[in-house]
Amino acid sequence: MSFAIRPVLGFLISALMAAPAFANNASVTSATSVMQAPKKDGRRWSGFINSSYSTNMIDYEDGTRGESMDYMARFNLKLNNTFTARVQGGYAQDLKDSQNDSFSNTTFSVNRTPFEVGKRLSMNYRVGMVAPTSKDAQKRQNMITALTAGTTFIVNPDYLISGLDITATLGFNRNFHQYETALDGSVNTEYSSNQGLSFAYSFANGISLSADFVHMNTWSYQRVMRDSFDFSQEVGYEINPTFSIAVGHTNSGSTLKPNGTDSNIDLMDEDTSIVYGSVTVVF
């Protein structure tokens, strides 16, 4: 079994809203499923900082068990009552091999506050760009930048049981590289899209349960398409409006098995599942 620091596939709801560039499945970001942190009402500046520890779900005691510390920060600037500017970045630390340490790509976006679409739905949208600050994007892919766009649909809480939140996300990225081929000879990803569904339930005592599923498509410069998925489940506890903690599990991989026909989507997999614990500070 091998361990790899994978993109927050996002999933992951917050990662999707922050518009990561899914580029050759090698962007180094946190493997955790960080849920959307609540903003401090009335403040022009807001955001959160998250720190997490992740490792393989099963340790085969053969030296292949991986360990990672991941750090992510998001800053929001309220431009007016309708639009918010956002910047997000992170750093991944491989506790077994420091040569794999790297910043994640940095995303910049402008986000529209949610507005009603009929009685049962509200939605928002965002547009942005990516700065290639990760080692993989800079050195292997020779990425220049990426343009991103996405939208989130939110079910009106009035039509759900109290404490339940259901959201769906759609995202699209256009990557730009200096060369179509990466340094290792693989073809870079030109386009990518993602579709996500998230369920979360919050109890009055501060405990929350959440589950996310994200499906991703990528198209190379040679128009070869690949599919991948990410499942995440999390149990969180809000200590107070500023501090929260969480533990969770995430599994991701190719949508199809090597034979190209059978489904490879599993909630858990002994070889690829990762468990994590995290601390989030909201400001």
Protein backbone atom coordinates (compact mmCIF):
# COMPACT_ATOMS: atom_id res chain seq x y z
CA MET A 1 0.00 0.00 0.00
CA SER A 2 1.28 3.45 -0.84
CA PHE A 3 0.33 6.81 0.62
CA ALA A 4 -0.09 9.98 -1.38
CA ILE A 5 -1.14 13.46 -0.35
CA ARG A 6 -4.15 14.00 -2.60
CA PRO A 7 -6.06 17.07 -3.71
CA VAL A 8 -8.97 18.22 -1.45
CA LEU A 9 -11.12 16.98 -3.81
CA GLY A 10 -13.05 18.69 -2.41
CA PHE A 11 -14.58 18.27 -1.67
CA LEU A 12 -15.28 18.57 -0.53
CA ILE A 13 -17.62 21.52 -0.38
CA SER A 14 -15.20 24.22 0.74
CA ALA A 15 -12.56 23.12 -1.72
CA LEU A 16 -15.01 23.24 -4.59
CA MET A 17 -16.20 26.70 -3.61
CA ALA A 18 -12.58 27.84 -3.49
CA ALA A 19 -12.00 26.60 -7.06
CA PRO A 20 -8.96 24.34 -6.92
CA ALA A 21 -7.31 23.39 -10.24
CA PHE A 22 -7.55 19.63 -10.65
CA ALA A 23 -4.34 19.23 -12.60
CA ASN A 24 -3.05 15.70 -13.15
CA ASN A 25 -4.26 14.69 -9.66
CA ALA A 26 -1.06 15.96 -8.11
CA SER A 27 -1.81 19.28 -6.46
CA VAL A 28 -0.68 19.08 -2.84
CA THR A 29 -3.43 20.20 -0.51
CA SER A 30 -5.07 18.87 2.60
CA ALA A 31 -6.73 15.47 2.43
CA THR A 32 -9.30 16.54 4.97
CA SER A 33 -12.91 17.46 4.29
CA VAL A 34 -13.10 20.92 5.82
CA MET A 35 -16.69 22.09 5.88
CA GLN A 36 -17.60 25.69 5.10
CA ALA A 37 -16.62 27.70 8.16
CA PRO A 38 -19.20 30.20 9.42
CA LYS A 39 -18.41 33.87 8.98
CA LYS A 40 -18.45 36.39 11.80
CA ASP A 41 -21.53 38.49 11.02
CA GLY A 42 -21.00 42.20 10.49
CA ARG A 43 -17.25 42.02 9.85
CA ARG A 44 -15.69 43.18 6.62
CA TRP A 45 -12.86 40.65 7.03
CA SER A 46 -13.52 37.02 7.90
CA GLY A 47 -12.11 33.57 7.31
CA PHE A 48 -10.63 30.54 9.00
CA ILE A 49 -7.38 28.64 9.58
CA ASN A 50 -7.42 24.84 9.64
CA SER A 51 -4.76 22.39 10.79
CA SER A 52 -5.14 18.63 10.33
CA TYR A 53 -3.28 15.36 10.80
CA SER A 54 -4.04 12.52 8.38
CA THR A 55 -2.85 8.95 7.97
CA ASN A 56 -3.81 5.67 6.28
CA MET A 57 -6.90 4.03 7.76
CA ILE A 58 -5.05 0.69 8.04
CA ASP A 59 -1.42 0.27 9.06
CA TYR A 60 0.04 -2.90 7.52
CA GLU A 61 3.20 -2.39 9.61
CA ASP A 62 5.39 -2.75 6.52
CA GLY A 63 6.77 0.78 6.50
CA THR A 64 4.30 2.14 3.92
CA ARG A 65 2.02 3.94 6.39
CA GLY A 66 1.92 7.64 5.57
CA GLU A 67 1.48 10.63 7.87
CA SER A 68 0.76 14.21 6.91
CA MET A 69 0.17 17.56 8.58
CA ASP A 70 -1.87 19.94 6.44
CA TYR A 71 -2.58 23.61 6.94
CA MET A 72 -5.15 25.70 5.10
CA ALA A 73 -6.21 29.34 5.41
CA ARG A 74 -9.05 31.26 3.80
CA PHE A 75 -9.54 35.03 3.95
CA ASN A 76 -12.74 36.80 2.86
CA LEU A 77 -13.14 40.51 2.15
CA LYS A 78 -16.72 41.78 1.97
CA LEU A 79 -16.84 44.12 -1.02
CA ASN A 80 -20.51 45.02 -0.57
CA ASN A 81 -23.75 43.30 0.39
CA THR A 82 -23.61 41.19 -2.78
CA PHE A 83 -19.99 40.21 -3.49
CA THR A 84 -17.07 38.91 -1.46
CA ALA A 85 -13.43 38.53 -2.52
CA ARG A 86 -11.67 35.38 -1.31
CA VAL A 87 -8.12 34.04 -1.22
CA GLN A 88 -7.23 30.53 -0.10
CA GLY A 89 -3.95 28.66 0.22
CA GLY A 90 -2.29 25.93 2.19
CA TYR A 91 0.80 23.92 3.02
CA ALA A 92 1.21 20.14 3.17
CA GLN A 93 3.90 18.55 5.33
CA ASP A 94 4.78 14.89 4.70
CA LEU A 95 5.95 13.62 8.09
CA LYS A 96 7.75 10.67 6.48
CA ASP A 97 9.61 12.48 3.68
CA SER A 98 10.21 16.22 3.84
CA GLN A 99 11.02 16.29 0.11
CA ASN A 100 7.27 16.02 -0.51
CA ASP A 101 6.48 19.14 1.53
CA SER A 102 4.87 21.83 -0.57
CA PHE A 103 2.54 24.79 -0.66
CA SER A 104 -0.77 24.17 -2.38
CA ASN A 105 -1.91 26.25 -5.32
CA THR A 106 -3.35 29.60 -4.23
CA THR A 107 -6.86 30.50 -5.38
CA PHE A 108 -8.39 33.95 -5.80
CA SER A 109 -12.11 34.34 -6.41
CA VAL A 110 -15.08 36.69 -6.26
CA ASN A 111 -18.20 35.12 -4.76
CA ARG A 112 -21.84 36.15 -5.07
CA THR A 113 -23.91 35.88 -1.89
CA PRO A 114 -26.77 33.35 -2.11
CA PHE A 115 -30.03 34.48 -3.68
CA GLU A 116 -33.36 32.70 -4.00
CA VAL A 117 -34.21 30.57 -7.03
CA GLY A 118 -37.85 29.74 -6.48
CA LYS A 119 -39.17 28.80 -3.06
CA ARG A 120 -37.11 25.68 -2.42
CA LEU A 121 -33.64 26.66 -3.63
CA SER A 122 -31.08 29.40 -3.31
CA MET A 123 -27.78 29.63 -5.16
CA ASN A 124 -24.54 31.53 -5.45
CA TYR A 125 -21.75 31.61 -8.00
CA ARG A 126 -18.08 32.44 -8.17
CA VAL A 127 -15.34 33.18 -10.70
CA GLY A 128 -11.64 33.15 -10.02
CA MET A 129 -8.11 32.22 -10.97
CA VAL A 130 -5.31 30.04 -9.62
CA ALA A 131 -1.70 30.98 -8.85
CA PRO A 132 0.55 27.89 -9.35
CA THR A 133 2.36 27.98 -6.01
CA SER A 134 2.71 24.20 -5.53
CA LYS A 135 5.87 22.32 -6.48
CA ASP A 136 3.95 20.06 -8.82
CA ALA A 137 2.30 22.91 -10.73
CA GLN A 138 5.50 24.93 -10.97
CA LYS A 139 8.20 22.32 -11.60
CA ARG A 140 6.46 19.33 -13.19
CA GLN A 141 3.51 20.83 -15.05
CA ASN A 142 4.92 24.29 -15.86
CA MET A 143 1.49 25.73 -15.15
CA ILE A 144 0.90 29.41 -15.86
CA THR A 145 -2.53 29.85 -14.25
CA ALA A 146 -6.09 28.50 -14.29
CA LEU A 147 -9.47 30.19 -14.70
CA THR A 148 -12.33 28.84 -12.59
CA ALA A 149 -16.08 29.19 -12.32
CA GLY A 150 -18.69 27.44 -10.23
CA THR A 151 -22.05 27.56 -8.55
CA THR A 152 -23.62 26.17 -5.39
CA PHE A 153 -27.28 25.25 -4.93
CA ILE A 154 -28.69 25.24 -1.39
CA VAL A 155 -31.97 23.63 -0.39
CA ASN A 156 -34.16 26.07 1.56
CA PRO A 157 -33.87 25.00 5.24
CA ASP A 158 -37.58 25.77 5.72
CA TYR A 159 -38.37 22.65 3.66
CA LEU A 160 -36.02 20.39 5.65
CA ILE A 161 -35.95 19.12 9.20
CA SER A 162 -34.29 21.52 11.62
CA GLY A 163 -30.50 21.28 11.55
CA LEU A 164 -30.24 19.60 8.13
CA ASP A 165 -28.35 21.25 5.26
CA ILE A 166 -28.21 19.93 1.68
CA THR A 167 -26.05 21.57 -0.99
CA ALA A 168 -24.94 20.70 -4.52
CA THR A 169 -21.99 22.21 -6.38
CA LEU A 170 -20.86 22.48 -9.99
CA GLY A 171 -17.43 23.69 -11.02
CA PHE A 172 -15.35 24.15 -14.18
CA ASN A 173 -11.64 24.91 -14.63
CA ARG A 174 -9.53 25.88 -17.63
CA ASN A 175 -5.81 25.32 -17.02
CA PHE A 176 -3.00 27.08 -18.91
CA HIS A 177 0.48 25.56 -19.16
CA GLN A 178 3.71 26.61 -20.81
CA TYR A 179 3.86 23.18 -22.49
CA GLU A 180 1.19 20.57 -23.18
CA THR A 181 3.47 17.86 -21.76
CA ALA A 182 4.70 17.76 -18.18
CA LEU A 183 8.33 17.27 -17.17
CA ASP A 184 7.82 13.52 -16.63
CA GLY A 185 6.32 13.06 -20.10
CA SER A 186 2.65 12.88 -19.07
CA VAL A 187 0.12 15.11 -20.83
CA ASN A 188 -1.13 18.02 -18.74
CA THR A 189 -4.79 18.58 -17.92
CA GLU A 190 -6.41 21.39 -19.95
CA TYR A 191 -10.01 21.25 -18.67
CA SER A 192 -11.65 19.84 -15.54
CA SER A 193 -15.12 19.83 -14.04
CA ASN A 194 -16.60 18.67 -10.76
CA GLN A 195 -20.02 17.89 -9.37
CA GLY A 196 -20.58 17.56 -5.63
CA LEU A 197 -23.34 16.75 -3.18
CA SER A 198 -23.14 17.46 0.55
CA PHE A 199 -25.33 16.56 3.52
CA ALA A 200 -24.80 17.98 7.01
CA TYR A 201 -26.78 17.75 10.23
CA SER A 202 -26.10 19.93 13.26
CA PHE A 203 -27.28 19.11 16.77
CA ALA A 204 -28.12 21.76 19.34
CA ASN A 205 -25.16 20.67 21.53
CA GLY A 206 -22.60 21.64 18.86
CA ILE A 207 -22.02 18.21 17.34
CA SER A 208 -22.39 17.92 13.57
CA LEU A 209 -22.38 15.06 11.06
CA SER A 210 -21.55 15.55 7.40
CA ALA A 211 -21.03 13.51 4.24
CA ASP A 212 -19.75 14.66 0.85
CA PHE A 213 -19.48 13.05 -2.56
CA VAL A 214 -17.57 14.67 -5.41
CA HIS A 215 -17.25 13.40 -8.99
CA MET A 216 -14.54 14.87 -11.21
CA ASN A 217 -13.76 14.80 -14.93
CA THR A 218 -10.49 15.90 -16.50
CA TRP A 219 -9.56 16.36 -20.16
CA SER A 220 -5.93 16.44 -21.26
CA TYR A 221 -4.57 18.53 -24.13
CA GLN A 222 -4.89 15.34 -26.21
CA ARG A 223 -8.59 15.14 -25.20
CA VAL A 224 -8.13 12.01 -23.07
CA MET A 225 -10.85 12.07 -20.39
CA ARG A 226 -10.46 10.63 -16.90
CA ASP A 227 -13.00 10.29 -14.08
CA SER A 228 -12.34 10.26 -10.34
CA PHE A 229 -14.35 10.48 -7.13
CA ASP A 230 -14.03 11.48 -3.49
CA PHE A 231 -16.11 10.32 -0.53
CA SER A 232 -15.78 12.12 2.82
CA GLN A 233 -17.53 11.71 6.15
CA GLU A 234 -16.93 13.87 9.20
CA VAL A 235 -17.98 14.27 12.82
CA GLY A 236 -17.39 17.77 14.14
CA TYR A 237 -17.83 19.64 17.41
CA GLU A 238 -18.11 23.40 17.74
CA ILE A 239 -16.47 24.30 21.04
CA ASN A 240 -17.49 27.94 20.63
CA PRO A 241 -18.06 30.32 17.68
CA THR A 242 -14.27 30.53 17.19
CA PHE A 243 -12.92 27.00 17.75
CA SER A 244 -14.09 23.67 16.36
CA ILE A 245 -12.61 20.18 16.09
CA ALA A 246 -13.40 17.25 13.79
CA VAL A 247 -12.48 13.68 12.92
CA GLY A 248 -13.26 12.06 9.61
CA HIS A 249 -12.57 9.61 6.82
CA THR A 250 -12.02 10.15 3.11
CA ASN A 251 -11.53 7.80 0.18
CA SER A 252 -10.86 8.74 -3.42
CA GLY A 253 -9.63 7.24 -6.66
CA SER A 254 -10.48 6.48 -10.25
CA THR A 255 -14.18 6.01 -10.99
CA LEU A 256 -13.49 2.84 -13.02
CA LYS A 257 -11.29 -0.16 -12.31
CA PRO A 258 -8.29 -0.88 -14.59
CA ASN A 259 -10.49 -2.97 -16.92
CA GLY A 260 -12.32 0.26 -17.84
CA THR A 261 -15.84 -1.10 -17.23
CA ASP A 262 -16.34 -2.06 -13.57
CA SER A 263 -17.06 0.66 -11.00
CA ASN A 264 -14.28 1.47 -8.55
CA ILE A 265 -16.40 3.72 -6.33
CA ASP A 266 -16.29 2.52 -2.71
CA LEU A 267 -17.15 4.23 0.52
CA MET A 268 -14.05 2.69 2.12
CA ASP A 269 -10.98 0.97 0.71
CA GLU A 270 -8.25 -0.66 2.79
CA ASP A 271 -5.54 0.59 0.45
CA THR A 272 -6.65 4.19 -0.18
CA SER A 273 -8.85 5.30 2.76
CA ILE A 274 -7.45 8.04 4.98
CA VAL A 275 -8.54 9.10 8.46
CA TYR A 276 -7.87 12.53 9.92
CA GLY A 277 -8.34 14.88 12.84
CA SER A 278 -8.51 18.65 12.51
CA VAL A 279 -8.77 21.92 14.41
CA THR A 280 -10.35 25.03 12.87
CA VAL A 281 -10.13 28.62 14.09
CA VAL A 282 -12.76 31.00 12.67
CA PHE A 283 -12.24 34.76 12.70
